[in-house]
Amino acid sequence: MTALVIGSETAPPRARRRFSLARFGGRWLSPLLLLLLWELGSRTGLIPERTLAAPSAVIGTLIGMVLSGELPSNLLVSFARVAVGLLIGVSLGLGLGLAAGLSRGAELAIDPLMQIKRTIPALALTPLFIVWFGIGETPKIALIAFGTIFPVYLNLYAGIRGVDPRLLDAAKSFGLSRWEQVWHVVLPAALPSLLVGLRYALSISILVLVVAEQINASAGLGYLINNARDFMRTDIIVVCLMVYAILGLGADWLVRSLETRALVWRPSIVEN
């Protein structure tokens, strides 16, 4: 009887592990199949090289650009643009979200303007930013900053306003001052919403970067794409698109890692 009980207890985890491995492998099946069909179409001539380079050619170009230093140097330029734009946009979003979330007067002053900003696509301001700031680095960074303010603002504002009033009542009963309540109760409770906004802002920054680097760029991934377009180098274009995708995935992974460490206290409804 004991053996039967032990066997019945250990079987489900093994089955779950097999299912998890099968699911993990299944997630890679369709992308690999797509790459194989892409390579086959390129080698048989169904997909002309001028239309889309083969995966093998893209990988060869990627290795060559890395070894020559062309890709790393331009990647650093794009990364710097994103970093500066994000720093400005996230800082403004944090400040405005805190002010509007903690003060009714600040909300009346800030929220209408932010709602107006929400309805204006960041990329629609490209011509105006060129008129204001020229065609140098400033309009590129300004577009990224403008596009990343609202996600951080809205999620932080919603997180602060969504704090459970019972937590605040408990903090008051312990004699915490207003700012102690904000530091020990409100901000930790709003942190999950803030991290969601940060993830969204990072994704927007990559999207805006793709367009911003088309503005007379002399370096960066957008510069490589423009040159490749002029010479019909689809392999270089695909390489740069892959790097954009990797930047987005890396940014999302970074915030997820931060979320895992910062929110260890939060209960999870998802089983491992």
C-alpha atoms as a PDB file:
ATOM      1  CA  MET A   1       0.000   0.000   0.000  1.00  0.00           C
ATOM      2  CA  THR A   2       2.863   2.375   0.829  1.00  0.00           C
ATOM      3  CA  ALA A   3       4.523   1.678  -2.523  1.00  0.00           C
ATOM      4  CA  LEU A   4       1.289   2.398  -4.329  1.00  0.00           C
ATOM      5  CA  VAL A   5       0.889   5.713  -2.507  1.00  0.00           C
ATOM      6  CA  ILE A   6       4.472   6.748  -3.207  1.00  0.00           C
ATOM      7  CA  GLY A   7       4.140   5.792  -6.843  1.00  0.00           C
ATOM      8  CA  SER A   8       0.925   7.745  -7.235  1.00  0.00           C
ATOM      9  CA  GLU A   9       2.537  10.822  -5.639  1.00  0.00           C
ATOM     10  CA  THR A  10       5.645  10.761  -7.810  1.00  0.00           C
ATOM     11  CA  ALA A  11       3.943  10.076 -11.132  1.00  0.00           C
ATOM     12  CA  PRO A  12       2.259  13.462 -11.633  1.00  0.00           C
ATOM     13  CA  PRO A  13       5.468  15.547 -11.257  1.00  0.00           C
ATOM     14  CA  ARG A  14       7.224  13.318 -13.815  1.00  0.00           C
ATOM     15  CA  ALA A  15       4.312  13.687 -16.181  1.00  0.00           C
ATOM     16  CA  ARG A  16       4.393  17.449 -15.654  1.00  0.00           C
ATOM     17  CA  ARG A  17       8.131  17.537 -16.392  1.00  0.00           C
ATOM     18  CA  ARG A  18       7.642  15.556 -19.611  1.00  0.00           C
ATOM     19  CA  PHE A  19       4.830  17.885 -20.618  1.00  0.00           C
ATOM     20  CA  SER A  20       6.962  20.935 -19.819  1.00  0.00           C
ATOM     21  CA  LEU A  21       9.871  19.664 -21.919  1.00  0.00           C
ATOM     22  CA  ALA A  22       7.543  18.796 -24.783  1.00  0.00           C
ATOM     23  CA  ARG A  23       5.959  22.221 -24.617  1.00  0.00           C
ATOM     24  CA  PHE A  24       9.377  23.909 -24.554  1.00  0.00           C
ATOM     25  CA  GLY A  25      10.491  21.931 -27.582  1.00  0.00           C
ATOM     26  CA  GLY A  26       7.213  22.609 -29.334  1.00  0.00           C
ATOM     27  CA  ARG A  27       7.694  26.351 -29.000  1.00  0.00           C
ATOM     28  CA  TRP A  28      10.822  26.118 -31.154  1.00  0.00           C
ATOM     29  CA  LEU A  29       9.297  23.820 -33.764  1.00  0.00           C
ATOM     30  CA  SER A  30       7.418  26.410 -35.822  1.00  0.00           C
ATOM     31  CA  PRO A  31      10.298  28.977 -35.923  1.00  0.00           C
ATOM     32  CA  LEU A  32      12.747  26.272 -37.024  1.00  0.00           C
ATOM     33  CA  LEU A  33      10.306  25.061 -39.665  1.00  0.00           C
ATOM     34  CA  LEU A  34       9.915  28.621 -40.935  1.00  0.00           C
ATOM     35  CA  LEU A  35      13.709  29.017 -41.184  1.00  0.00           C
ATOM     36  CA  LEU A  36      13.992  25.741 -43.099  1.00  0.00           C
ATOM     37  CA  LEU A  37      11.287  26.777 -45.558  1.00  0.00           C
ATOM     38  CA  TRP A  38      12.939  30.187 -45.910  1.00  0.00           C
ATOM     39  CA  GLU A  39      16.328  28.602 -46.650  1.00  0.00           C
ATOM     40  CA  LEU A  40      14.771  26.117 -49.070  1.00  0.00           C
ATOM     41  CA  GLY A  41      12.913  28.867 -50.913  1.00  0.00           C
ATOM     42  CA  SER A  42      16.105  30.927 -51.224  1.00  0.00           C
ATOM     43  CA  ARG A  43      18.204  28.013 -52.509  1.00  0.00           C
ATOM     44  CA  THR A  44      15.588  26.953 -55.065  1.00  0.00           C
ATOM     45  CA  GLY A  45      15.161  30.502 -56.347  1.00  0.00           C
ATOM     46  CA  LEU A  46      11.581  30.944 -55.162  1.00  0.00           C
ATOM     47  CA  ILE A  47      12.759  33.818 -52.949  1.00  0.00           C
ATOM     48  CA  PRO A  48      15.186  36.063 -54.901  1.00  0.00           C
ATOM     49  CA  GLU A  49      18.214  37.320 -53.003  1.00  0.00           C
ATOM     50  CA  ARG A  50      17.287  40.924 -53.773  1.00  0.00           C
ATOM     51  CA  THR A  51      13.906  40.319 -52.145  1.00  0.00           C
ATOM     52  CA  LEU A  52      15.100  38.477 -49.044  1.00  0.00           C
ATOM     53  CA  ALA A  53      18.505  36.974 -48.300  1.00  0.00           C
ATOM     54  CA  ALA A  54      18.723  33.354 -47.151  1.00  0.00           C
ATOM     55  CA  PRO A  55      19.185  32.619 -43.420  1.00  0.00           C
ATOM     56  CA  SER A  56      22.642  31.183 -44.126  1.00  0.00           C
ATOM     57  CA  ALA A  57      23.633  34.426 -45.880  1.00  0.00           C
ATOM     58  CA  VAL A  58      22.238  36.473 -42.988  1.00  0.00           C
ATOM     59  CA  ILE A  59      24.265  34.483 -40.463  1.00  0.00           C
ATOM     60  CA  GLY A  60      27.419  34.900 -42.569  1.00  0.00           C
ATOM     61  CA  THR A  61      26.829  38.649 -42.810  1.00  0.00           C
ATOM     62  CA  LEU A  62      26.218  38.856 -39.062  1.00  0.00           C
ATOM     63  CA  ILE A  63      29.521  37.119 -38.289  1.00  0.00           C
ATOM     64  CA  GLY A  64      31.389  39.340 -40.741  1.00  0.00           C
ATOM     65  CA  MET A  65      29.900  42.545 -39.301  1.00  0.00           C
ATOM     66  CA  VAL A  66      30.735  41.473 -35.754  1.00  0.00           C
ATOM     67  CA  LEU A  67      34.320  40.550 -36.596  1.00  0.00           C
ATOM     68  CA  SER A  68      34.897  43.783 -38.512  1.00  0.00           C
ATOM     69  CA  GLY A  69      33.547  45.838 -35.614  1.00  0.00           C
ATOM     70  CA  GLU A  70      30.928  47.513 -37.813  1.00  0.00           C
ATOM     71  CA  LEU A  71      27.946  46.101 -35.920  1.00  0.00           C
ATOM     72  CA  PRO A  72      29.253  46.611 -32.337  1.00  0.00           C
ATOM     73  CA  SER A  73      30.215  50.245 -32.954  1.00  0.00           C
ATOM     74  CA  ASN A  74      26.848  51.148 -34.474  1.00  0.00           C
ATOM     75  CA  LEU A  75      25.016  49.134 -31.826  1.00  0.00           C
ATOM     76  CA  LEU A  76      26.663  51.199 -29.097  1.00  0.00           C
ATOM     77  CA  VAL A  77      25.411  54.390 -30.759  1.00  0.00           C
ATOM     78  CA  SER A  78      21.827  53.070 -30.878  1.00  0.00           C
ATOM     79  CA  PHE A  79      22.086  51.805 -27.310  1.00  0.00           C
ATOM     80  CA  ALA A  80      23.248  55.227 -26.120  1.00  0.00           C
ATOM     81  CA  ARG A  81      20.271  56.901 -27.790  1.00  0.00           C
ATOM     82  CA  VAL A  82      17.832  54.503 -26.151  1.00  0.00           C
ATOM     83  CA  ALA A  83      19.516  54.813 -22.756  1.00  0.00           C
ATOM     84  CA  VAL A  84      19.454  58.621 -22.707  1.00  0.00           C
ATOM     85  CA  GLY A  85      15.899  58.805 -24.048  1.00  0.00           C
ATOM     86  CA  LEU A  86      14.686  56.243 -21.518  1.00  0.00           C
ATOM     87  CA  LEU A  87      16.441  58.005 -18.656  1.00  0.00           C
ATOM     88  CA  ILE A  88      14.671  61.254 -19.484  1.00  0.00           C
ATOM     89  CA  GLY A  89      11.285  59.697 -20.243  1.00  0.00           C
ATOM     90  CA  VAL A  90      11.194  57.333 -17.264  1.00  0.00           C
ATOM     91  CA  SER A  91      12.372  60.063 -14.876  1.00  0.00           C
ATOM     92  CA  LEU A  92       9.639  62.427 -16.064  1.00  0.00           C
ATOM     93  CA  GLY A  93       7.048  59.652 -15.911  1.00  0.00           C
ATOM     94  CA  LEU A  94       8.068  58.781 -12.355  1.00  0.00           C
ATOM     95  CA  GLY A  95       7.912  62.367 -11.164  1.00  0.00           C
ATOM     96  CA  LEU A  96       4.574  63.119 -12.814  1.00  0.00           C
ATOM     97  CA  GLY A  97       3.053  59.802 -11.718  1.00  0.00           C
ATOM     98  CA  LEU A  98       4.084  60.321  -8.106  1.00  0.00           C
ATOM     99  CA  ALA A  99       2.778  63.867  -8.043  1.00  0.00           C
ATOM    100  CA  ALA A 100      -0.566  63.025  -9.656  1.00  0.00           C
ATOM    101  CA  GLY A 101      -1.011  59.867  -7.616  1.00  0.00           C
ATOM    102  CA  LEU A 102      -0.312  61.452  -4.233  1.00  0.00           C
ATOM    103  CA  SER A 103      -1.931  64.853  -4.688  1.00  0.00           C
ATOM    104  CA  ARG A 104      -5.410  65.743  -5.894  1.00  0.00           C
ATOM    105  CA  GLY A 105      -4.268  69.199  -6.937  1.00  0.00           C
ATOM    106  CA  ALA A 106      -1.346  67.821  -8.923  1.00  0.00           C
ATOM    107  CA  GLU A 107      -3.695  65.350 -10.586  1.00  0.00           C
ATOM    108  CA  LEU A 108      -5.957  68.178 -11.782  1.00  0.00           C
ATOM    109  CA  ALA A 109      -2.931  69.990 -13.213  1.00  0.00           C
ATOM    110  CA  ILE A 110      -1.052  67.029 -14.708  1.00  0.00           C
ATOM    111  CA  ASP A 111      -3.539  64.360 -15.766  1.00  0.00           C
ATOM    112  CA  PRO A 112      -5.420  66.402 -18.428  1.00  0.00           C
ATOM    113  CA  LEU A 113      -2.124  67.256 -20.116  1.00  0.00           C
ATOM    114  CA  MET A 114      -1.002  63.626 -19.994  1.00  0.00           C
ATOM    115  CA  GLN A 115      -4.290  62.478 -21.505  1.00  0.00           C
ATOM    116  CA  ILE A 116      -3.793  64.970 -24.331  1.00  0.00           C
ATOM    117  CA  LYS A 117      -0.261  63.649 -24.779  1.00  0.00           C
ATOM    118  CA  ARG A 118      -1.619  60.090 -24.888  1.00  0.00           C
ATOM    119  CA  THR A 119      -3.718  60.852 -27.960  1.00  0.00           C
ATOM    120  CA  ILE A 120      -0.737  62.277 -29.867  1.00  0.00           C
ATOM    121  CA  PRO A 121       1.454  59.534 -31.375  1.00  0.00           C
ATOM    122  CA  ALA A 122       5.102  60.165 -30.609  1.00  0.00           C
ATOM    123  CA  LEU A 123       6.113  59.519 -34.213  1.00  0.00           C
ATOM    124  CA  ALA A 124       3.662  62.156 -35.457  1.00  0.00           C
ATOM    125  CA  LEU A 125       5.882  64.756 -33.793  1.00  0.00           C
ATOM    126  CA  THR A 126       8.900  63.844 -35.909  1.00  0.00           C
ATOM    127  CA  PRO A 127       8.552  66.789 -38.376  1.00  0.00           C
ATOM    128  CA  LEU A 128       7.980  69.242 -35.543  1.00  0.00           C
ATOM    129  CA  PHE A 129      10.963  67.955 -33.560  1.00  0.00           C
ATOM    130  CA  ILE A 130      13.154  68.309 -36.654  1.00  0.00           C
ATOM    131  CA  VAL A 131      12.054  71.944 -36.969  1.00  0.00           C
ATOM    132  CA  TRP A 132      12.725  72.570 -33.278  1.00  0.00           C
ATOM    133  CA  PHE A 133      15.905  70.583 -32.700  1.00  0.00           C
ATOM    134  CA  GLY A 134      17.433  70.111 -36.150  1.00  0.00           C
ATOM    135  CA  ILE A 135      18.567  66.766 -37.561  1.00  0.00           C
ATOM    136  CA  GLY A 136      21.202  65.841 -34.987  1.00  0.00           C
ATOM    137  CA  GLU A 137      20.912  63.582 -31.961  1.00  0.00           C
ATOM    138  CA  THR A 138      18.442  65.754 -30.050  1.00  0.00           C
ATOM    139  CA  PRO A 139      15.260  64.914 -32.017  1.00  0.00           C
ATOM    140  CA  LYS A 140      16.028  61.180 -31.857  1.00  0.00           C
ATOM    141  CA  ILE A 141      16.446  61.251 -28.080  1.00  0.00           C
ATOM    142  CA  ALA A 142      13.459  63.575 -27.651  1.00  0.00           C
ATOM    143  CA  LEU A 143      11.192  61.202 -29.584  1.00  0.00           C
ATOM    144  CA  ILE A 144      12.230  58.266 -27.395  1.00  0.00           C
ATOM    145  CA  ALA A 145      11.736  60.307 -24.227  1.00  0.00           C
ATOM    146  CA  PHE A 146       8.341  61.579 -25.366  1.00  0.00           C
ATOM    147  CA  GLY A 147       7.147  58.081 -26.226  1.00  0.00           C
ATOM    148  CA  THR A 148       8.178  56.523 -22.907  1.00  0.00           C
ATOM    149  CA  ILE A 149       6.713  59.078 -20.471  1.00  0.00           C
ATOM    150  CA  PHE A 150       3.083  58.006 -20.569  1.00  0.00           C
ATOM    151  CA  PRO A 151       3.377  54.243 -19.858  1.00  0.00           C
ATOM    152  CA  VAL A 152       5.415  54.911 -16.720  1.00  0.00           C
ATOM    153  CA  TYR A 153       3.147  57.765 -15.628  1.00  0.00           C
ATOM    154  CA  LEU A 154      -0.125  55.900 -16.149  1.00  0.00           C
ATOM    155  CA  ASN A 155       0.919  52.641 -14.494  1.00  0.00           C
ATOM    156  CA  LEU A 156       2.501  54.359 -11.493  1.00  0.00           C
ATOM    157  CA  TYR A 157      -0.531  56.619 -11.095  1.00  0.00           C
ATOM    158  CA  ALA A 158      -2.907  53.640 -11.295  1.00  0.00           C
ATOM    159  CA  GLY A 159      -0.742  51.643  -8.888  1.00  0.00           C
ATOM    160  CA  ILE A 160      -0.751  54.412  -6.286  1.00  0.00           C
ATOM    161  CA  ARG A 161      -4.498  54.995  -6.558  1.00  0.00           C
ATOM    162  CA  GLY A 162      -5.132  51.249  -6.384  1.00  0.00           C
ATOM    163  CA  VAL A 163      -3.482  50.728  -2.999  1.00  0.00           C
ATOM    164  CA  ASP A 164      -5.770  48.878  -0.574  1.00  0.00           C
ATOM    165  CA  PRO A 165      -7.173  51.441   1.912  1.00  0.00           C
ATOM    166  CA  ARG A 166      -6.933  48.832   4.650  1.00  0.00           C
ATOM    167  CA  LEU A 167      -3.164  48.882   4.317  1.00  0.00           C
ATOM    168  CA  LEU A 168      -3.175  52.641   4.845  1.00  0.00           C
ATOM    169  CA  ASP A 169      -5.469  52.282   7.850  1.00  0.00           C
ATOM    170  CA  ALA A 170      -3.093  49.727   9.330  1.00  0.00           C
ATOM    171  CA  ALA A 171      -0.135  52.050   8.724  1.00  0.00           C
ATOM    172  CA  LYS A 172      -1.971  54.901  10.446  1.00  0.00           C
ATOM    173  CA  SER A 173      -2.760  52.681  13.418  1.00  0.00           C
ATOM    174  CA  PHE A 174       0.974  52.042  13.806  1.00  0.00           C
ATOM    175  CA  GLY A 175       1.589  55.775  13.921  1.00  0.00           C
ATOM    176  CA  LEU A 176       3.345  56.169  10.553  1.00  0.00           C
ATOM    177  CA  SER A 177       3.536  59.685   9.190  1.00  0.00           C
ATOM    178  CA  ARG A 178       2.295  60.636   5.721  1.00  0.00           C
ATOM    179  CA  TRP A 179       5.687  60.174   4.047  1.00  0.00           C
ATOM    180  CA  GLU A 180       6.380  56.995   5.991  1.00  0.00           C
ATOM    181  CA  GLN A 181       3.095  55.616   4.662  1.00  0.00           C
ATOM    182  CA  VAL A 182       4.161  56.547   1.140  1.00  0.00           C
ATOM    183  CA  TRP A 183       7.596  54.948   1.525  1.00  0.00           C
ATOM    184  CA  HIS A 184       6.628  51.776   3.385  1.00  0.00           C
ATOM    185  CA  VAL A 185       3.119  51.101   2.037  1.00  0.00           C
ATOM    186  CA  VAL A 186       2.157  53.037  -1.093  1.00  0.00           C
ATOM    187  CA  LEU A 187       5.316  52.660  -3.155  1.00  0.00           C
ATOM    188  CA  PRO A 188       5.810  48.912  -2.484  1.00  0.00           C
ATOM    189  CA  ALA A 189       2.143  48.304  -3.328  1.00  0.00           C
ATOM    190  CA  ALA A 190       2.467  50.322  -6.553  1.00  0.00           C
ATOM    191  CA  LEU A 191       5.753  48.675  -7.606  1.00  0.00           C
ATOM    192  CA  PRO A 192       4.157  45.843  -9.658  1.00  0.00           C
ATOM    193  CA  SER A 193       2.224  48.380 -11.737  1.00  0.00           C
ATOM    194  CA  LEU A 194       5.339  50.513 -12.154  1.00  0.00           C
ATOM    195  CA  LEU A 195       7.332  47.549 -13.487  1.00  0.00           C
ATOM    196  CA  VAL A 196       4.579  46.803 -16.005  1.00  0.00           C
ATOM    197  CA  GLY A 197       4.816  50.397 -17.184  1.00  0.00           C
ATOM    198  CA  LEU A 198       8.602  50.121 -17.393  1.00  0.00           C
ATOM    199  CA  ARG A 199       8.349  47.008 -19.569  1.00  0.00           C
ATOM    200  CA  TYR A 200       5.933  48.811 -21.841  1.00  0.00           C
ATOM    201  CA  ALA A 201       8.200  51.866 -21.995  1.00  0.00           C
ATOM    202  CA  LEU A 202      11.196  49.736 -22.967  1.00  0.00           C
ATOM    203  CA  SER A 203       9.238  48.172 -25.825  1.00  0.00           C
ATOM    204  CA  ILE A 204       8.107  51.587 -27.049  1.00  0.00           C
ATOM    205  CA  SER A 205      11.669  52.909 -26.902  1.00  0.00           C
ATOM    206  CA  ILE A 206      12.845  50.213 -29.327  1.00  0.00           C
ATOM    207  CA  LEU A 207       9.938  50.897 -31.698  1.00  0.00           C
ATOM    208  CA  VAL A 208      10.574  54.646 -31.659  1.00  0.00           C
ATOM    209  CA  LEU A 209      14.314  54.078 -32.125  1.00  0.00           C
ATOM    210  CA  VAL A 210      13.674  52.272 -35.411  1.00  0.00           C
ATOM    211  CA  VAL A 211      11.936  55.342 -36.831  1.00  0.00           C
ATOM    212  CA  ALA A 212      14.058  57.964 -35.084  1.00  0.00           C
ATOM    213  CA  GLU A 213      17.253  56.576 -36.585  1.00  0.00           C
ATOM    214  CA  GLN A 214      15.896  57.259 -40.056  1.00  0.00           C
ATOM    215  CA  ILE A 215      16.376  60.992 -39.355  1.00  0.00           C
ATOM    216  CA  ASN A 216      19.677  61.710 -41.095  1.00  0.00           C
ATOM    217  CA  ALA A 217      21.609  59.268 -38.914  1.00  0.00           C
ATOM    218  CA  SER A 218      25.369  59.052 -39.472  1.00  0.00           C
ATOM    219  CA  ALA A 219      25.773  56.041 -37.171  1.00  0.00           C
ATOM    220  CA  GLY A 220      23.602  53.451 -35.509  1.00  0.00           C
ATOM    221  CA  LEU A 221      21.470  50.545 -36.644  1.00  0.00           C
ATOM    222  CA  GLY A 222      19.167  52.850 -38.612  1.00  0.00           C
ATOM    223  CA  TYR A 223      22.183  54.192 -40.493  1.00  0.00           C
ATOM    224  CA  LEU A 224      23.167  50.650 -41.458  1.00  0.00           C
ATOM    225  CA  ILE A 225      19.618  49.920 -42.633  1.00  0.00           C
ATOM    226  CA  ASN A 226      19.501  53.060 -44.779  1.00  0.00           C
ATOM    227  CA  ASN A 227      22.811  52.222 -46.447  1.00  0.00           C
ATOM    228  CA  ALA A 228      21.749  48.608 -46.958  1.00  0.00           C
ATOM    229  CA  ARG A 229      18.475  49.751 -48.548  1.00  0.00           C
ATOM    230  CA  ASP A 230      20.355  51.919 -51.052  1.00  0.00           C
ATOM    231  CA  PHE A 231      22.526  48.967 -52.105  1.00  0.00           C
ATOM    232  CA  MET A 232      19.740  46.325 -51.899  1.00  0.00           C
ATOM    233  CA  ARG A 233      21.584  44.465 -49.126  1.00  0.00           C
ATOM    234  CA  THR A 234      18.661  42.606 -47.598  1.00  0.00           C
ATOM    235  CA  ASP A 235      21.039  40.487 -45.523  1.00  0.00           C
ATOM    236  CA  ILE A 236      22.253  43.571 -43.616  1.00  0.00           C
ATOM    237  CA  ILE A 237      18.689  44.785 -43.165  1.00  0.00           C
ATOM    238  CA  VAL A 238      17.664  41.447 -41.646  1.00  0.00           C
ATOM    239  CA  VAL A 239      20.723  41.468 -39.364  1.00  0.00           C
ATOM    240  CA  CYS A 240      19.778  44.901 -38.013  1.00  0.00           C
ATOM    241  CA  LEU A 241      16.153  43.825 -37.534  1.00  0.00           C
ATOM    242  CA  MET A 242      17.410  40.817 -35.580  1.00  0.00           C
ATOM    243  CA  VAL A 243      19.465  43.113 -33.360  1.00  0.00           C
ATOM    244  CA  TYR A 244      16.429  45.320 -32.745  1.00  0.00           C
ATOM    245  CA  ALA A 245      14.474  42.215 -31.716  1.00  0.00           C
ATOM    246  CA  ILE A 246      17.274  41.047 -29.417  1.00  0.00           C
ATOM    247  CA  LEU A 247      17.408  44.496 -27.806  1.00  0.00           C
ATOM    248  CA  GLY A 248      13.686  44.285 -27.094  1.00  0.00           C
ATOM    249  CA  LEU A 249      13.913  40.781 -25.666  1.00  0.00           C
ATOM    250  CA  GLY A 250      16.938  41.737 -23.574  1.00  0.00           C
ATOM    251  CA  ALA A 251      15.174  44.780 -22.142  1.00  0.00           C
ATOM    252  CA  ASP A 252      12.124  42.694 -21.261  1.00  0.00           C
ATOM    253  CA  TRP A 253      14.326  40.048 -19.625  1.00  0.00           C
ATOM    254  CA  LEU A 254      16.066  42.726 -17.579  1.00  0.00           C
ATOM    255  CA  VAL A 255      12.781  44.054 -16.173  1.00  0.00           C
ATOM    256  CA  ARG A 256      11.497  40.522 -15.538  1.00  0.00           C
ATOM    257  CA  SER A 257      14.667  39.756 -13.575  1.00  0.00           C
ATOM    258  CA  LEU A 258      14.239  42.962 -11.581  1.00  0.00           C
ATOM    259  CA  GLU A 259      10.602  42.052 -10.972  1.00  0.00           C
ATOM    260  CA  THR A 260      11.560  38.600  -9.691  1.00  0.00           C
ATOM    261  CA  ARG A 261      13.992  40.065  -7.164  1.00  0.00           C
ATOM    262  CA  ALA A 262      11.943  43.082  -6.119  1.00  0.00           C
ATOM    263  CA  LEU A 263       8.611  41.286  -5.752  1.00  0.00           C
ATOM    264  CA  VAL A 264       9.637  38.158  -3.873  1.00  0.00           C
ATOM    265  CA  TRP A 265       6.903  38.954  -1.320  1.00  0.00           C
ATOM    266  CA  ARG A 266       4.117  38.796  -3.903  1.00  0.00           C
ATOM    267  CA  PRO A 267       2.175  35.525  -3.980  1.00  0.00           C
ATOM    268  CA  SER A 268       1.990  33.748  -7.323  1.00  0.00           C
ATOM    269  CA  ILE A 269      -1.034  31.925  -8.714  1.00  0.00           C
ATOM    270  CA  VAL A 270       1.065  30.271 -11.433  1.00  0.00           C
ATOM    271  CA  GLU A 271       2.640  26.926 -10.556  1.00  0.00           C
ATOM    272  CA  ASN A 272       6.198  26.172 -11.596  1.00  0.00           C
END
